[in-house]
Amino acid sequence: MKKRACFSFRPRPGDPEQQRAWEILQTVPEGKKTAFVAGAILRSREEEALEQTLRRVLREELRTVSIHSPAGEETVPGQMLDFLAGL
């Protein structure tokens, strides 16, 4: 006979993030909490993987991009920067 895994969640009173999670969990109907928690864990992993992929793609693309100031835009003179730095 297989034994089912058991998990309990006891939020710490001084942890606002855990308290918020507990409040959200209390809005889930009885009998659906396990599915809710499982879905939340899986979505979290999917979001992490998506974020890593997005960061990798952006890094690769940014390697080939060069950024220039718009044509006709004036630069700030060094004397003005020195004056502002002295304030």
N, C-alpha and C. Protein backbone atom coordinates (compact mmCIF):
# COMPACT_ATOMS: atom_id res chain seq x y z
N MET A 1 0.84 -1.17 0.00
CA MET A 1 0.00 0.00 0.00
C MET A 1 0.89 1.25 0.00
N LYS A 2 0.63 2.14 -0.94
CA LYS A 2 1.42 3.37 -1.04
C LYS A 2 0.94 4.38 -0.01
N LYS A 3 1.89 5.07 0.56
CA LYS A 3 1.57 6.11 1.53
C LYS A 3 1.57 7.46 0.83
N ARG A 4 0.52 8.23 1.03
CA ARG A 4 0.44 9.58 0.43
C ARG A 4 1.35 10.53 1.17
N ALA A 5 1.99 11.40 0.41
CA ALA A 5 2.82 12.42 1.03
C ALA A 5 1.93 13.42 1.76
N CYS A 6 2.46 13.94 2.83
CA CYS A 6 1.69 14.91 3.61
C CYS A 6 2.51 16.20 3.73
N PHE A 7 1.81 17.31 3.61
CA PHE A 7 2.46 18.60 3.72
C PHE A 7 1.56 19.49 4.55
N SER A 8 2.14 20.20 5.49
CA SER A 8 1.33 21.15 6.26
C SER A 8 1.95 22.53 6.12
N PHE A 9 1.11 23.51 6.16
CA PHE A 9 1.54 24.90 6.01
C PHE A 9 1.10 25.65 7.25
N ARG A 10 2.07 26.11 8.02
CA ARG A 10 1.79 26.89 9.22
C ARG A 10 2.51 28.22 9.10
N PRO A 11 1.80 29.24 8.65
CA PRO A 11 2.45 30.54 8.46
C PRO A 11 2.91 31.13 9.78
N ARG A 12 4.09 31.74 9.73
CA ARG A 12 4.61 32.43 10.91
C ARG A 12 3.85 33.74 11.09
N PRO A 13 3.41 34.04 12.29
CA PRO A 13 2.65 35.27 12.54
C PRO A 13 3.37 36.56 12.14
N GLY A 14 4.70 36.61 12.25
CA GLY A 14 5.42 37.83 11.95
C GLY A 14 5.85 37.97 10.49
N ASP A 15 5.45 37.03 9.64
CA ASP A 15 5.88 37.06 8.24
C ASP A 15 4.71 37.51 7.36
N PRO A 16 4.73 38.76 6.88
CA PRO A 16 3.61 39.29 6.09
C PRO A 16 3.37 38.50 4.80
N GLU A 17 4.43 38.01 4.16
CA GLU A 17 4.26 37.25 2.93
C GLU A 17 3.53 35.94 3.19
N GLN A 18 3.90 35.25 4.26
CA GLN A 18 3.22 34.01 4.61
C GLN A 18 1.77 34.27 5.04
N GLN A 19 1.54 35.37 5.72
CA GLN A 19 0.18 35.71 6.12
C GLN A 19 -0.70 35.97 4.90
N ARG A 20 -0.14 36.69 3.90
CA ARG A 20 -0.89 36.95 2.66
C ARG A 20 -1.21 35.63 1.95
N ALA A 21 -0.20 34.74 1.90
CA ALA A 21 -0.42 33.43 1.26
C ALA A 21 -1.53 32.66 1.98
N TRP A 22 -1.53 32.72 3.30
CA TRP A 22 -2.54 32.02 4.08
C TRP A 22 -3.94 32.59 3.80
N GLU A 23 -4.02 33.91 3.73
CA GLU A 23 -5.31 34.54 3.44
C GLU A 23 -5.83 34.12 2.06
N ILE A 24 -4.95 34.05 1.09
CA ILE A 24 -5.36 33.62 -0.25
C ILE A 24 -5.81 32.17 -0.22
N LEU A 25 -5.05 31.33 0.46
CA LEU A 25 -5.39 29.91 0.55
C LEU A 25 -6.74 29.69 1.21
N GLN A 26 -7.09 30.56 2.16
CA GLN A 26 -8.37 30.41 2.85
C GLN A 26 -9.56 30.71 1.93
N THR A 27 -9.33 31.41 0.81
CA THR A 27 -10.42 31.70 -0.12
C THR A 27 -10.69 30.54 -1.08
N VAL A 28 -9.79 29.55 -1.11
CA VAL A 28 -9.96 28.40 -1.99
C VAL A 28 -10.93 27.42 -1.33
N PRO A 29 -11.92 26.94 -2.09
CA PRO A 29 -12.90 26.01 -1.51
C PRO A 29 -12.24 24.72 -1.01
N GLU A 30 -12.84 24.15 0.03
CA GLU A 30 -12.36 22.88 0.57
C GLU A 30 -12.40 21.83 -0.55
N GLY A 31 -11.42 20.97 -0.55
CA GLY A 31 -11.34 19.93 -1.56
C GLY A 31 -10.60 20.37 -2.82
N LYS A 32 -10.29 21.66 -2.92
CA LYS A 32 -9.58 22.15 -4.09
C LYS A 32 -8.24 22.78 -3.74
N LYS A 33 -7.90 22.77 -2.45
CA LYS A 33 -6.68 23.43 -2.00
C LYS A 33 -5.42 22.73 -2.53
N THR A 34 -5.42 21.40 -2.57
CA THR A 34 -4.25 20.68 -3.07
C THR A 34 -4.01 21.02 -4.53
N ALA A 35 -5.05 21.04 -5.34
CA ALA A 35 -4.92 21.38 -6.76
C ALA A 35 -4.46 22.82 -6.91
N PHE A 36 -4.96 23.72 -6.06
CA PHE A 36 -4.56 25.12 -6.11
C PHE A 36 -3.08 25.28 -5.82
N VAL A 37 -2.60 24.63 -4.75
CA VAL A 37 -1.19 24.73 -4.37
C VAL A 37 -0.31 24.11 -5.46
N ALA A 38 -0.70 22.95 -5.98
CA ALA A 38 0.08 22.30 -7.04
C ALA A 38 0.16 23.20 -8.27
N GLY A 39 -0.96 23.81 -8.66
CA GLY A 39 -0.97 24.72 -9.80
C GLY A 39 -0.09 25.93 -9.58
N ALA A 40 -0.13 26.47 -8.37
CA ALA A 40 0.69 27.65 -8.05
C ALA A 40 2.18 27.32 -8.13
N ILE A 41 2.56 26.15 -7.64
CA ILE A 41 3.97 25.74 -7.69
C ILE A 41 4.41 25.56 -9.14
N LEU A 42 3.59 24.88 -9.94
CA LEU A 42 3.95 24.64 -11.35
C LEU A 42 4.02 25.95 -12.13
N ARG A 43 3.08 26.85 -11.91
CA ARG A 43 3.11 28.15 -12.60
C ARG A 43 4.35 28.95 -12.20
N SER A 44 4.72 28.87 -10.94
CA SER A 44 5.91 29.58 -10.47
C SER A 44 7.15 29.07 -11.20
N ARG A 45 7.28 27.77 -11.34
CA ARG A 45 8.42 27.19 -12.05
C ARG A 45 8.41 27.60 -13.52
N GLU A 46 7.23 27.58 -14.14
CA GLU A 46 7.13 27.97 -15.55
C GLU A 46 7.53 29.44 -15.73
N GLU A 47 7.10 30.30 -14.81
CA GLU A 47 7.44 31.72 -14.89
C GLU A 47 8.95 31.92 -14.71
N GLU A 48 9.56 31.17 -13.80
CA GLU A 48 11.01 31.27 -13.60
C GLU A 48 11.75 30.87 -14.87
N ALA A 49 11.32 29.77 -15.50
CA ALA A 49 11.96 29.30 -16.73
C ALA A 49 11.78 30.33 -17.85
N LEU A 50 10.59 30.91 -17.95
CA LEU A 50 10.32 31.92 -18.96
C LEU A 50 11.19 33.16 -18.72
N GLU A 51 11.31 33.58 -17.47
CA GLU A 51 12.14 34.74 -17.15
C GLU A 51 13.60 34.49 -17.51
N GLN A 52 14.12 33.30 -17.21
CA GLN A 52 15.50 32.97 -17.56
C GLN A 52 15.70 32.99 -19.07
N THR A 53 14.75 32.43 -19.81
CA THR A 53 14.83 32.43 -21.27
C THR A 53 14.81 33.85 -21.80
N LEU A 54 13.91 34.66 -21.29
CA LEU A 54 13.79 36.05 -21.73
C LEU A 54 15.08 36.83 -21.45
N ARG A 55 15.65 36.64 -20.27
CA ARG A 55 16.90 37.32 -19.93
C ARG A 55 18.03 36.89 -20.87
N ARG A 56 18.10 35.59 -21.17
CA ARG A 56 19.14 35.09 -22.07
C ARG A 56 18.99 35.68 -23.46
N VAL A 57 17.76 35.71 -23.98
CA VAL A 57 17.51 36.26 -25.30
C VAL A 57 17.84 37.76 -25.34
N LEU A 58 17.43 38.50 -24.32
CA LEU A 58 17.72 39.93 -24.28
C LEU A 58 19.22 40.19 -24.21
N ARG A 59 19.94 39.41 -23.40
CA ARG A 59 21.40 39.58 -23.33
C ARG A 59 22.03 39.36 -24.70
N GLU A 60 21.60 38.28 -25.38
CA GLU A 60 22.14 37.98 -26.71
C GLU A 60 21.85 39.11 -27.69
N GLU A 61 20.64 39.63 -27.66
CA GLU A 61 20.26 40.69 -28.60
C GLU A 61 20.97 42.00 -28.28
N LEU A 62 21.14 42.30 -26.99
CA LEU A 62 21.78 43.56 -26.60
C LEU A 62 23.27 43.58 -26.95
N ARG A 63 23.87 42.42 -27.13
CA ARG A 63 25.28 42.38 -27.54
C ARG A 63 25.48 42.98 -28.92
N THR A 64 24.45 42.92 -29.76
CA THR A 64 24.59 43.39 -31.14
C THR A 64 24.06 44.80 -31.34
N VAL A 65 23.52 45.40 -30.29
CA VAL A 65 22.92 46.72 -30.41
C VAL A 65 23.90 47.78 -29.95
N SER A 66 23.98 48.87 -30.71
CA SER A 66 24.78 50.00 -30.24
C SER A 66 23.83 51.17 -30.03
N ILE A 67 24.02 51.88 -28.95
CA ILE A 67 23.11 52.97 -28.58
C ILE A 67 23.80 54.30 -28.83
N HIS A 68 23.14 55.17 -29.56
CA HIS A 68 23.65 56.50 -29.86
C HIS A 68 22.64 57.53 -29.40
N SER A 69 23.13 58.72 -29.04
CA SER A 69 22.19 59.78 -28.67
C SER A 69 21.51 60.27 -29.94
N PRO A 70 20.26 60.69 -29.83
CA PRO A 70 19.53 61.16 -31.01
C PRO A 70 20.24 62.33 -31.69
N ALA A 71 20.13 62.36 -33.01
CA ALA A 71 20.76 63.43 -33.78
C ALA A 71 20.17 64.77 -33.39
N GLY A 72 21.03 65.77 -33.30
CA GLY A 72 20.57 67.12 -32.98
C GLY A 72 20.41 67.39 -31.51
N GLU A 73 20.54 66.38 -30.68
CA GLU A 73 20.39 66.58 -29.24
C GLU A 73 21.70 67.14 -28.69
N GLU A 74 21.61 68.23 -27.95
CA GLU A 74 22.80 68.87 -27.41
C GLU A 74 23.32 68.12 -26.19
N THR A 75 24.62 68.08 -26.05
CA THR A 75 25.21 67.49 -24.86
C THR A 75 25.42 68.59 -23.83
N VAL A 76 25.51 68.19 -22.58
CA VAL A 76 25.71 69.16 -21.49
C VAL A 76 27.19 69.50 -21.42
N PRO A 77 27.54 70.79 -21.47
CA PRO A 77 28.95 71.20 -21.40
C PRO A 77 29.59 70.77 -20.09
N GLY A 78 30.89 70.45 -20.15
CA GLY A 78 31.63 70.01 -18.97
C GLY A 78 31.60 71.02 -17.84
N GLN A 79 31.66 72.33 -18.17
CA GLN A 79 31.65 73.35 -17.13
C GLN A 79 30.34 73.32 -16.35
N MET A 80 29.25 73.07 -17.05
CA MET A 80 27.95 73.02 -16.36
C MET A 80 27.91 71.81 -15.44
N LEU A 81 28.44 70.68 -15.90
CA LEU A 81 28.48 69.48 -15.05
C LEU A 81 29.33 69.72 -13.82
N ASP A 82 30.48 70.39 -13.99
CA ASP A 82 31.34 70.72 -12.85
C ASP A 82 30.61 71.62 -11.86
N PHE A 83 29.87 72.61 -12.39
CA PHE A 83 29.11 73.49 -11.52
C PHE A 83 28.07 72.73 -10.72
N LEU A 84 27.33 71.83 -11.41
CA LEU A 84 26.30 71.05 -10.74
C LEU A 84 26.89 70.10 -9.71
N ALA A 85 28.04 69.53 -10.04
CA ALA A 85 28.70 68.62 -9.10
C ALA A 85 29.14 69.35 -7.84
N GLY A 86 29.46 70.65 -7.98
CA GLY A 86 29.90 71.43 -6.84
C GLY A 86 28.78 71.84 -5.90
N LEU A 87 27.55 71.69 -6.32
CA LEU A 87 26.42 72.09 -5.48
C LEU A 87 26.22 71.15 -4.36
